[in-house]
């Protein structure tokens, strides 16, 4: 059995529900270690035939501030991107219904992980955004999956502006299933009513088929989008300046090149 340092794995409802907590508050940053631990936990625990659903939640006040900015630097970003996409490939292969319980900030890679889930249950104060453009980069995973989740126009808005939207706005565009002051209770009630009474094998195949088109598009195109990021975007001055300026906590100076 693996010992996890950045996630907490819980087996609930007679081992039918696997709860995976991003356990690195305040920001629960999705660095390579956390991504790898999630991948291992899903492979070892999530694929058990009696598991009916996976639940992702962030420890503390926030779901996740996103992927590690230091790991976005030119020397590290290729490995980070592959580690993240490998996590999502594992979710696709596992084929289980997935939930994200979101409180506070759900940004960047955090939103990409949450959006990959079938349902998002959010607190009233939850905020969602893809702020990568502010650092002169873009979100590869969100670019591929958000059009399926919320439509092309709403996806373009998040990816191109970098703005954050409220839980209410996220609900209105179809990203979030439920908004309440007690999202845990809402999620628990939903699982009790719609997941636990169902056949685990039926849920497995329904989960795989329900998003077959989205998942196939992701699997077909993610390598090309990652290549664009690493071999084209990261050769520009502005992408490197944006990351460095963030790390140095200063305003970036763009060269538009």
C-alpha atoms as a PDB file:
ATOM      1  CA  UNK A   1       0.000   0.000   0.000  1.00  0.00           C
ATOM      2  CA  UNK A   2       1.334   3.412  -0.967  1.00  0.00           C
ATOM      3  CA  UNK A   3       1.741   6.152   1.615  1.00  0.00           C
ATOM      4  CA  UNK A   4       0.375   9.431   0.278  1.00  0.00           C
ATOM      5  CA  UNK A   5       1.744  12.788   1.430  1.00  0.00           C
ATOM      6  CA  UNK A   6      -0.357  15.248  -0.556  1.00  0.00           C
ATOM      7  CA  UNK A   7      -3.680  13.470  -0.764  1.00  0.00           C
ATOM      8  CA  UNK A   8      -5.950  11.663   1.674  1.00  0.00           C
ATOM      9  CA  UNK A   9      -7.785   8.552   0.495  1.00  0.00           C
ATOM     10  CA  UNK A  10     -11.022   7.525   2.235  1.00  0.00           C
ATOM     11  CA  UNK A  11     -13.324   4.614   1.486  1.00  0.00           C
ATOM     12  CA  UNK A  12     -16.914   5.486   2.337  1.00  0.00           C
ATOM     13  CA  UNK A  13     -20.327   3.807   2.177  1.00  0.00           C
ATOM     14  CA  UNK A  14     -19.002   0.262   2.611  1.00  0.00           C
ATOM     15  CA  UNK A  15     -16.123   1.022   0.214  1.00  0.00           C
ATOM     16  CA  UNK A  16     -18.527   2.011  -2.576  1.00  0.00           C
ATOM     17  CA  UNK A  17     -17.346   5.644  -2.640  1.00  0.00           C
ATOM     18  CA  UNK A  18     -13.689   6.662  -2.917  1.00  0.00           C
ATOM     19  CA  UNK A  19     -13.041  10.143  -1.572  1.00  0.00           C
ATOM     20  CA  UNK A  20      -9.780  11.797  -2.658  1.00  0.00           C
ATOM     21  CA  UNK A  21      -8.804  14.936  -0.744  1.00  0.00           C
ATOM     22  CA  UNK A  22      -6.230  17.353  -2.162  1.00  0.00           C
ATOM     23  CA  UNK A  23      -4.374  17.805   1.105  1.00  0.00           C
ATOM     24  CA  UNK A  24      -1.963  20.713   0.692  1.00  0.00           C
ATOM     25  CA  UNK A  25      -3.820  23.768   1.992  1.00  0.00           C
ATOM     26  CA  UNK A  26      -4.088  26.702   1.648  1.00  0.00           C
ATOM     27  CA  UNK A  27      -4.041  26.377  -2.129  1.00  0.00           C
ATOM     28  CA  UNK A  28      -3.984  22.595  -2.661  1.00  0.00           C
ATOM     29  CA  UNK A  29      -1.627  23.197  -5.578  1.00  0.00           C
ATOM     30  CA  UNK A  30      -1.646  20.383  -8.126  1.00  0.00           C
ATOM     31  CA  UNK A  31       2.068  19.789  -8.442  1.00  0.00           C
ATOM     32  CA  UNK A  32       3.588  16.683 -10.025  1.00  0.00           C
ATOM     33  CA  UNK A  33       3.723  14.864  -6.712  1.00  0.00           C
ATOM     34  CA  UNK A  34       0.034  15.415  -5.998  1.00  0.00           C
ATOM     35  CA  UNK A  35      -0.933  14.460  -9.559  1.00  0.00           C
ATOM     36  CA  UNK A  36       1.134  11.281  -9.335  1.00  0.00           C
ATOM     37  CA  UNK A  37      -0.373  10.372  -5.960  1.00  0.00           C
ATOM     38  CA  UNK A  38      -3.883  10.866  -7.345  1.00  0.00           C
ATOM     39  CA  UNK A  39      -3.052   8.686 -10.349  1.00  0.00           C
ATOM     40  CA  UNK A  40      -1.714   5.905  -8.118  1.00  0.00           C
ATOM     41  CA  UNK A  41      -4.707   6.048  -5.778  1.00  0.00           C
ATOM     42  CA  UNK A  42      -7.175   5.874  -8.663  1.00  0.00           C
ATOM     43  CA  UNK A  43      -5.330   2.932 -10.225  1.00  0.00           C
ATOM     44  CA  UNK A  44      -5.069   1.029  -6.952  1.00  0.00           C
ATOM     45  CA  UNK A  45      -8.390   1.888  -5.329  1.00  0.00           C
ATOM     46  CA  UNK A  46     -10.679   3.445  -7.915  1.00  0.00           C
ATOM     47  CA  UNK A  47     -10.674   0.448 -10.223  1.00  0.00           C
ATOM     48  CA  UNK A  48     -12.022  -1.936  -7.609  1.00  0.00           C
ATOM     49  CA  UNK A  49     -15.235  -3.398  -9.006  1.00  0.00           C
ATOM     50  CA  UNK A  50     -17.312  -2.433  -5.954  1.00  0.00           C
ATOM     51  CA  UNK A  51     -16.364   1.270  -6.208  1.00  0.00           C
ATOM     52  CA  UNK A  52     -19.318   3.173  -7.630  1.00  0.00           C
ATOM     53  CA  UNK A  53     -17.953   6.735  -7.674  1.00  0.00           C
ATOM     54  CA  UNK A  54     -14.944   8.940  -6.981  1.00  0.00           C
ATOM     55  CA  UNK A  55     -15.214  12.234  -5.093  1.00  0.00           C
ATOM     56  CA  UNK A  56     -12.541  14.948  -5.271  1.00  0.00           C
ATOM     57  CA  UNK A  57     -12.421  17.608  -2.556  1.00  0.00           C
ATOM     58  CA  UNK A  58      -9.912  20.202  -1.367  1.00  0.00           C
ATOM     59  CA  UNK A  59      -8.720  20.407   2.223  1.00  0.00           C
ATOM     60  CA  UNK A  60      -9.415  23.717   3.914  1.00  0.00           C
ATOM     61  CA  UNK A  61     -11.170  26.716   2.411  1.00  0.00           C
ATOM     62  CA  UNK A  62     -10.319  26.152  -1.262  1.00  0.00           C
ATOM     63  CA  UNK A  63     -10.539  23.389  -3.839  1.00  0.00           C
ATOM     64  CA  UNK A  64      -7.308  24.256  -5.666  1.00  0.00           C
ATOM     65  CA  UNK A  65      -5.407  27.291  -6.870  1.00  0.00           C
ATOM     66  CA  UNK A  66      -4.271  25.211  -9.864  1.00  0.00           C
ATOM     67  CA  UNK A  67      -1.131  23.546 -11.114  1.00  0.00           C
ATOM     68  CA  UNK A  68       2.278  24.535  -9.745  1.00  0.00           C
ATOM     69  CA  UNK A  69       3.561  27.759 -11.340  1.00  0.00           C
ATOM     70  CA  UNK A  70       7.231  26.846 -10.753  1.00  0.00           C
ATOM     71  CA  UNK A  71       6.590  23.626 -12.668  1.00  0.00           C
ATOM     72  CA  UNK A  72       5.359  25.748 -15.593  1.00  0.00           C
ATOM     73  CA  UNK A  73       8.911  26.948 -16.185  1.00  0.00           C
ATOM     74  CA  UNK A  74      10.446  25.962 -19.514  1.00  0.00           C
ATOM     75  CA  UNK A  75      12.664  23.228 -18.079  1.00  0.00           C
ATOM     76  CA  UNK A  76       9.850  21.503 -16.184  1.00  0.00           C
ATOM     77  CA  UNK A  77       6.617  22.175 -18.024  1.00  0.00           C
ATOM     78  CA  UNK A  78       6.717  19.237 -20.460  1.00  0.00           C
ATOM     79  CA  UNK A  79       6.935  16.716 -17.622  1.00  0.00           C
ATOM     80  CA  UNK A  80       4.237  18.508 -15.641  1.00  0.00           C
ATOM     81  CA  UNK A  81       1.820  18.524 -18.592  1.00  0.00           C
ATOM     82  CA  UNK A  82       2.338  14.827 -19.285  1.00  0.00           C
ATOM     83  CA  UNK A  83       1.866  14.010 -15.579  1.00  0.00           C
ATOM     84  CA  UNK A  84      -1.431  15.911 -15.540  1.00  0.00           C
ATOM     85  CA  UNK A  85      -2.760  14.379 -18.751  1.00  0.00           C
ATOM     86  CA  UNK A  86      -1.738  10.932 -17.469  1.00  0.00           C
ATOM     87  CA  UNK A  87      -3.945  11.513 -14.416  1.00  0.00           C
ATOM     88  CA  UNK A  88      -6.905  12.276 -16.665  1.00  0.00           C
ATOM     89  CA  UNK A  89      -6.150   9.310 -18.911  1.00  0.00           C
ATOM     90  CA  UNK A  90      -6.316   7.164 -15.785  1.00  0.00           C
ATOM     91  CA  UNK A  91      -9.728   8.606 -14.921  1.00  0.00           C
ATOM     92  CA  UNK A  92     -10.955   7.784 -18.422  1.00  0.00           C
ATOM     93  CA  UNK A  93      -9.621   4.228 -18.222  1.00  0.00           C
ATOM     94  CA  UNK A  94     -11.114   3.733 -14.752  1.00  0.00           C
ATOM     95  CA  UNK A  95     -14.567   4.655 -15.990  1.00  0.00           C
ATOM     96  CA  UNK A  96     -16.372   5.634 -12.787  1.00  0.00           C
ATOM     97  CA  UNK A  97     -18.825   8.446 -12.082  1.00  0.00           C
ATOM     98  CA  UNK A  98     -16.855  11.372 -10.650  1.00  0.00           C
ATOM     99  CA  UNK A  99     -17.754  14.301  -8.421  1.00  0.00           C
ATOM    100  CA  UNK A 100     -15.921  17.475  -7.430  1.00  0.00           C
ATOM    101  CA  UNK A 101     -16.907  19.166  -4.169  1.00  0.00           C
ATOM    102  CA  UNK A 102     -15.751  22.771  -4.589  1.00  0.00           C
ATOM    103  CA  UNK A 103     -15.385  25.455  -1.960  1.00  0.00           C
ATOM    104  CA  UNK A 104     -13.521  28.721  -2.432  1.00  0.00           C
ATOM    105  CA  UNK A 105     -11.136  29.065  -5.342  1.00  0.00           C
ATOM    106  CA  UNK A 106     -11.149  26.519  -8.170  1.00  0.00           C
ATOM    107  CA  UNK A 107      -8.608  27.832 -10.648  1.00  0.00           C
ATOM    108  CA  UNK A 108      -6.402  26.689 -13.507  1.00  0.00           C
ATOM    109  CA  UNK A 109      -5.547  23.014 -13.187  1.00  0.00           C
ATOM    110  CA  UNK A 110      -8.007  22.793 -10.305  1.00  0.00           C
ATOM    111  CA  UNK A 111     -10.836  23.768 -12.627  1.00  0.00           C
ATOM    112  CA  UNK A 112      -9.532  21.382 -15.288  1.00  0.00           C
ATOM    113  CA  UNK A 113      -9.721  18.507 -12.796  1.00  0.00           C
ATOM    114  CA  UNK A 114     -13.157  19.554 -11.544  1.00  0.00           C
ATOM    115  CA  UNK A 115     -14.476  20.005 -15.091  1.00  0.00           C
ATOM    116  CA  UNK A 116     -13.302  16.501 -15.946  1.00  0.00           C
ATOM    117  CA  UNK A 117     -15.733  15.222 -13.300  1.00  0.00           C
ATOM    118  CA  UNK A 118     -19.323  14.385 -14.176  1.00  0.00           C
ATOM    119  CA  UNK A 119     -20.745  16.640 -11.473  1.00  0.00           C
ATOM    120  CA  UNK A 120     -19.537  19.685  -9.560  1.00  0.00           C
ATOM    121  CA  UNK A 121     -21.205  20.538  -6.244  1.00  0.00           C
ATOM    122  CA  UNK A 122     -20.204  24.046  -5.195  1.00  0.00           C
ATOM    123  CA  UNK A 123     -20.500  26.268  -2.164  1.00  0.00           C
ATOM    124  CA  UNK A 124     -22.036  29.715  -2.462  1.00  0.00           C
ATOM    125  CA  UNK A 125     -18.601  31.340  -2.289  1.00  0.00           C
ATOM    126  CA  UNK A 126     -16.929  29.158  -4.919  1.00  0.00           C
ATOM    127  CA  UNK A 127     -15.109  30.890  -7.776  1.00  0.00           C
ATOM    128  CA  UNK A 128     -14.040  29.295 -11.044  1.00  0.00           C
ATOM    129  CA  UNK A 129     -11.462  30.495 -13.547  1.00  0.00           C
ATOM    130  CA  UNK A 130      -8.683  29.724 -16.012  1.00  0.00           C
ATOM    131  CA  UNK A 131      -6.221  32.557 -15.269  1.00  0.00           C
ATOM    132  CA  UNK A 132      -3.336  31.161 -17.332  1.00  0.00           C
ATOM    133  CA  UNK A 133      -3.608  33.878 -20.000  1.00  0.00           C
ATOM    134  CA  UNK A 134      -2.546  36.420 -17.354  1.00  0.00           C
ATOM    135  CA  UNK A 135       0.845  34.664 -17.327  1.00  0.00           C
ATOM    136  CA  UNK A 136       0.971  34.602 -21.151  1.00  0.00           C
ATOM    137  CA  UNK A 137       0.234  30.859 -21.301  1.00  0.00           C
ATOM    138  CA  UNK A 138      -2.936  28.809 -21.864  1.00  0.00           C
ATOM    139  CA  UNK A 139      -4.677  25.770 -20.300  1.00  0.00           C
ATOM    140  CA  UNK A 140      -4.267  22.753 -22.637  1.00  0.00           C
ATOM    141  CA  UNK A 141      -6.800  20.509 -20.907  1.00  0.00           C
ATOM    142  CA  UNK A 142      -9.454  23.196 -20.485  1.00  0.00           C
ATOM    143  CA  UNK A 143      -9.051  24.180 -24.132  1.00  0.00           C
ATOM    144  CA  UNK A 144     -10.148  20.672 -25.118  1.00  0.00           C
ATOM    145  CA  UNK A 145     -12.805  19.800 -22.558  1.00  0.00           C
ATOM    146  CA  UNK A 146     -14.576  23.052 -21.642  1.00  0.00           C
ATOM    147  CA  UNK A 147     -16.253  23.363 -25.068  1.00  0.00           C
ATOM    148  CA  UNK A 148     -17.920  20.013 -24.354  1.00  0.00           C
ATOM    149  CA  UNK A 149     -18.840  21.007 -20.815  1.00  0.00           C
ATOM    150  CA  UNK A 150     -20.131  24.550 -21.294  1.00  0.00           C
ATOM    151  CA  UNK A 151     -20.093  25.272 -25.036  1.00  0.00           C
ATOM    152  CA  UNK A 152     -17.520  26.988 -27.203  1.00  0.00           C
ATOM    153  CA  UNK A 153     -18.461  30.598 -26.391  1.00  0.00           C
ATOM    154  CA  UNK A 154     -18.392  30.172 -22.622  1.00  0.00           C
ATOM    155  CA  UNK A 155     -15.176  28.172 -22.912  1.00  0.00           C
ATOM    156  CA  UNK A 156     -13.577  30.904 -25.018  1.00  0.00           C
ATOM    157  CA  UNK A 157     -14.598  33.485 -22.429  1.00  0.00           C
ATOM    158  CA  UNK A 158     -12.816  31.691 -19.578  1.00  0.00           C
ATOM    159  CA  UNK A 159      -9.725  30.668 -21.547  1.00  0.00           C
ATOM    160  CA  UNK A 160      -9.160  33.958 -23.390  1.00  0.00           C
ATOM    161  CA  UNK A 161     -10.022  36.468 -20.647  1.00  0.00           C
ATOM    162  CA  UNK A 162      -8.654  34.660 -17.595  1.00  0.00           C
ATOM    163  CA  UNK A 163     -11.538  36.039 -15.537  1.00  0.00           C
ATOM    164  CA  UNK A 164     -13.171  34.160 -12.681  1.00  0.00           C
ATOM    165  CA  UNK A 165     -16.892  33.473 -12.463  1.00  0.00           C
ATOM    166  CA  UNK A 166     -19.100  32.909  -9.454  1.00  0.00           C
ATOM    167  CA  UNK A 167     -20.737  29.624  -8.562  1.00  0.00           C
ATOM    168  CA  UNK A 168     -24.021  31.069  -9.802  1.00  0.00           C
ATOM    169  CA  UNK A 169     -22.530  31.933 -13.172  1.00  0.00           C
ATOM    170  CA  UNK A 170     -20.911  28.506 -13.352  1.00  0.00           C
ATOM    171  CA  UNK A 171     -24.286  26.932 -12.658  1.00  0.00           C
ATOM    172  CA  UNK A 172     -25.985  29.050 -15.310  1.00  0.00           C
ATOM    173  CA  UNK A 173     -23.556  27.893 -18.010  1.00  0.00           C
ATOM    174  CA  UNK A 174     -23.905  24.243 -16.996  1.00  0.00           C
ATOM    175  CA  UNK A 175     -20.498  23.752 -15.411  1.00  0.00           C
ATOM    176  CA  UNK A 176     -21.824  23.341 -11.861  1.00  0.00           C
ATOM    177  CA  UNK A 177     -24.651  20.973 -10.935  1.00  0.00           C
ATOM    178  CA  UNK A 178     -25.524  22.367  -7.499  1.00  0.00           C
ATOM    179  CA  UNK A 179     -24.813  25.557  -5.531  1.00  0.00           C
ATOM    180  CA  UNK A 180     -25.609  25.682  -1.808  1.00  0.00           C
ATOM    181  CA  UNK A 181     -24.327  26.720   1.588  1.00  0.00           C
ATOM    182  CA  UNK A 182     -23.799  23.031   2.396  1.00  0.00           C
ATOM    183  CA  UNK A 183     -22.483  21.327  -0.744  1.00  0.00           C
ATOM    184  CA  UNK A 184     -21.376  18.267   1.234  1.00  0.00           C
ATOM    185  CA  UNK A 185     -24.952  17.562   2.293  1.00  0.00           C
ATOM    186  CA  UNK A 186     -26.190  18.128  -1.253  1.00  0.00           C
ATOM    187  CA  UNK A 187     -23.578  15.749  -2.653  1.00  0.00           C
ATOM    188  CA  UNK A 188     -24.248  13.100  -0.009  1.00  0.00           C
ATOM    189  CA  UNK A 189     -27.967  13.235  -0.746  1.00  0.00           C
ATOM    190  CA  UNK A 190     -27.393  12.952  -4.483  1.00  0.00           C
ATOM    191  CA  UNK A 191     -25.091   9.961  -4.083  1.00  0.00           C
ATOM    192  CA  UNK A 192     -27.517   8.244  -1.710  1.00  0.00           C
ATOM    193  CA  UNK A 193     -30.413   8.722  -4.130  1.00  0.00           C
ATOM    194  CA  UNK A 194     -28.796   8.218  -7.532  1.00  0.00           C
ATOM    195  CA  UNK A 195     -25.494   6.332  -7.136  1.00  0.00           C
ATOM    196  CA  UNK A 196     -25.604   3.877  -4.230  1.00  0.00           C
ATOM    197  CA  UNK A 197     -28.790   2.095  -5.413  1.00  0.00           C
ATOM    198  CA  UNK A 198     -27.305   1.474  -8.867  1.00  0.00           C
ATOM    199  CA  UNK A 199     -25.256  -1.441 -10.169  1.00  0.00           C
ATOM    200  CA  UNK A 200     -21.530  -0.706 -10.048  1.00  0.00           C
ATOM    201  CA  UNK A 201     -20.973  -2.411 -13.399  1.00  0.00           C
ATOM    202  CA  UNK A 202     -23.804  -0.445 -15.020  1.00  0.00           C
ATOM    203  CA  UNK A 203     -22.405   2.818 -13.643  1.00  0.00           C
ATOM    204  CA  UNK A 204     -18.991   1.882 -15.032  1.00  0.00           C
ATOM    205  CA  UNK A 205     -20.229   1.442 -18.583  1.00  0.00           C
ATOM    206  CA  UNK A 206     -22.619   4.394 -18.392  1.00  0.00           C
ATOM    207  CA  UNK A 207     -19.783   6.643 -17.217  1.00  0.00           C
ATOM    208  CA  UNK A 208     -17.578   5.509 -20.093  1.00  0.00           C
ATOM    209  CA  UNK A 209     -20.288   5.905 -22.715  1.00  0.00           C
ATOM    210  CA  UNK A 210     -21.782   9.196 -21.493  1.00  0.00           C
ATOM    211  CA  UNK A 211     -18.558  11.062 -22.248  1.00  0.00           C
ATOM    212  CA  UNK A 212     -17.200   8.872 -24.985  1.00  0.00           C
ATOM    213  CA  UNK A 213     -17.012  11.695 -27.537  1.00  0.00           C
ATOM    214  CA  UNK A 214     -15.383  14.175 -25.133  1.00  0.00           C
ATOM    215  CA  UNK A 215     -12.871  11.626 -23.923  1.00  0.00           C
ATOM    216  CA  UNK A 216     -11.965  10.498 -27.423  1.00  0.00           C
ATOM    217  CA  UNK A 217     -11.394  14.106 -28.464  1.00  0.00           C
ATOM    218  CA  UNK A 218      -9.177  14.623 -25.416  1.00  0.00           C
ATOM    219  CA  UNK A 219      -7.153  11.459 -26.093  1.00  0.00           C
ATOM    220  CA  UNK A 220      -6.821  12.289 -29.781  1.00  0.00           C
ATOM    221  CA  UNK A 221      -5.701  15.895 -29.394  1.00  0.00           C
ATOM    222  CA  UNK A 222      -3.996  16.367 -26.014  1.00  0.00           C
ATOM    223  CA  UNK A 223      -0.538  15.390 -27.294  1.00  0.00           C
ATOM    224  CA  UNK A 224      -0.734  17.963 -30.106  1.00  0.00           C
ATOM    225  CA  UNK A 225      -1.907  20.716 -27.768  1.00  0.00           C
ATOM    226  CA  UNK A 226       0.862  19.887 -25.280  1.00  0.00           C
ATOM    227  CA  UNK A 227       3.387  19.980 -28.139  1.00  0.00           C
ATOM    228  CA  UNK A 228       2.094  23.428 -29.153  1.00  0.00           C
ATOM    229  CA  UNK A 229       2.571  24.567 -25.559  1.00  0.00           C
ATOM    230  CA  UNK A 230       6.078  23.168 -25.082  1.00  0.00           C
ATOM    231  CA  UNK A 231       7.619  23.568 -28.540  1.00  0.00           C
ATOM    232  CA  UNK A 232       5.951  26.798 -29.658  1.00  0.00           C
ATOM    233  CA  UNK A 233       4.538  28.812 -26.758  1.00  0.00           C
ATOM    234  CA  UNK A 234       7.477  28.211 -24.424  1.00  0.00           C
ATOM    235  CA  UNK A 235       9.940  29.478 -27.031  1.00  0.00           C
ATOM    236  CA  UNK A 236       8.362  32.937 -26.798  1.00  0.00           C
ATOM    237  CA  UNK A 237       9.694  35.692 -24.595  1.00  0.00           C
ATOM    238  CA  UNK A 238       6.312  36.561 -23.125  1.00  0.00           C
ATOM    239  CA  UNK A 239       5.453  33.054 -21.875  1.00  0.00           C
ATOM    240  CA  UNK A 240       8.722  32.859 -19.992  1.00  0.00           C
ATOM    241  CA  UNK A 241       8.369  36.447 -18.762  1.00  0.00           C
ATOM    242  CA  UNK A 242       4.843  35.792 -17.486  1.00  0.00           C
ATOM    243  CA  UNK A 243       5.903  32.808 -15.407  1.00  0.00           C
ATOM    244  CA  UNK A 244       9.029  34.565 -14.104  1.00  0.00           C
ATOM    245  CA  UNK A 245       7.147  37.733 -13.222  1.00  0.00           C
ATOM    246  CA  UNK A 246       4.627  35.709 -11.213  1.00  0.00           C
ATOM    247  CA  UNK A 247       7.389  33.936  -9.316  1.00  0.00           C
ATOM    248  CA  UNK A 248       9.145  37.258  -8.654  1.00  0.00           C
ATOM    249  CA  UNK A 249       5.837  38.885  -7.651  1.00  0.00           C
ATOM    250  CA  UNK A 250       6.141  41.754 -10.104  1.00  0.00           C
ATOM    251  CA  UNK A 251       4.215  43.109 -13.061  1.00  0.00           C
ATOM    252  CA  UNK A 252       5.249  41.432 -16.349  1.00  0.00           C
ATOM    253  CA  UNK A 253       6.774  43.404 -19.197  1.00  0.00           C
ATOM    254  CA  UNK A 254       5.408  42.091 -22.468  1.00  0.00           C
ATOM    255  CA  UNK A 255       7.362  42.113 -25.718  1.00  0.00           C
ATOM    256  CA  UNK A 256       4.462  40.663 -27.720  1.00  0.00           C
ATOM    257  CA  UNK A 257       6.907  38.076 -28.974  1.00  0.00           C
END
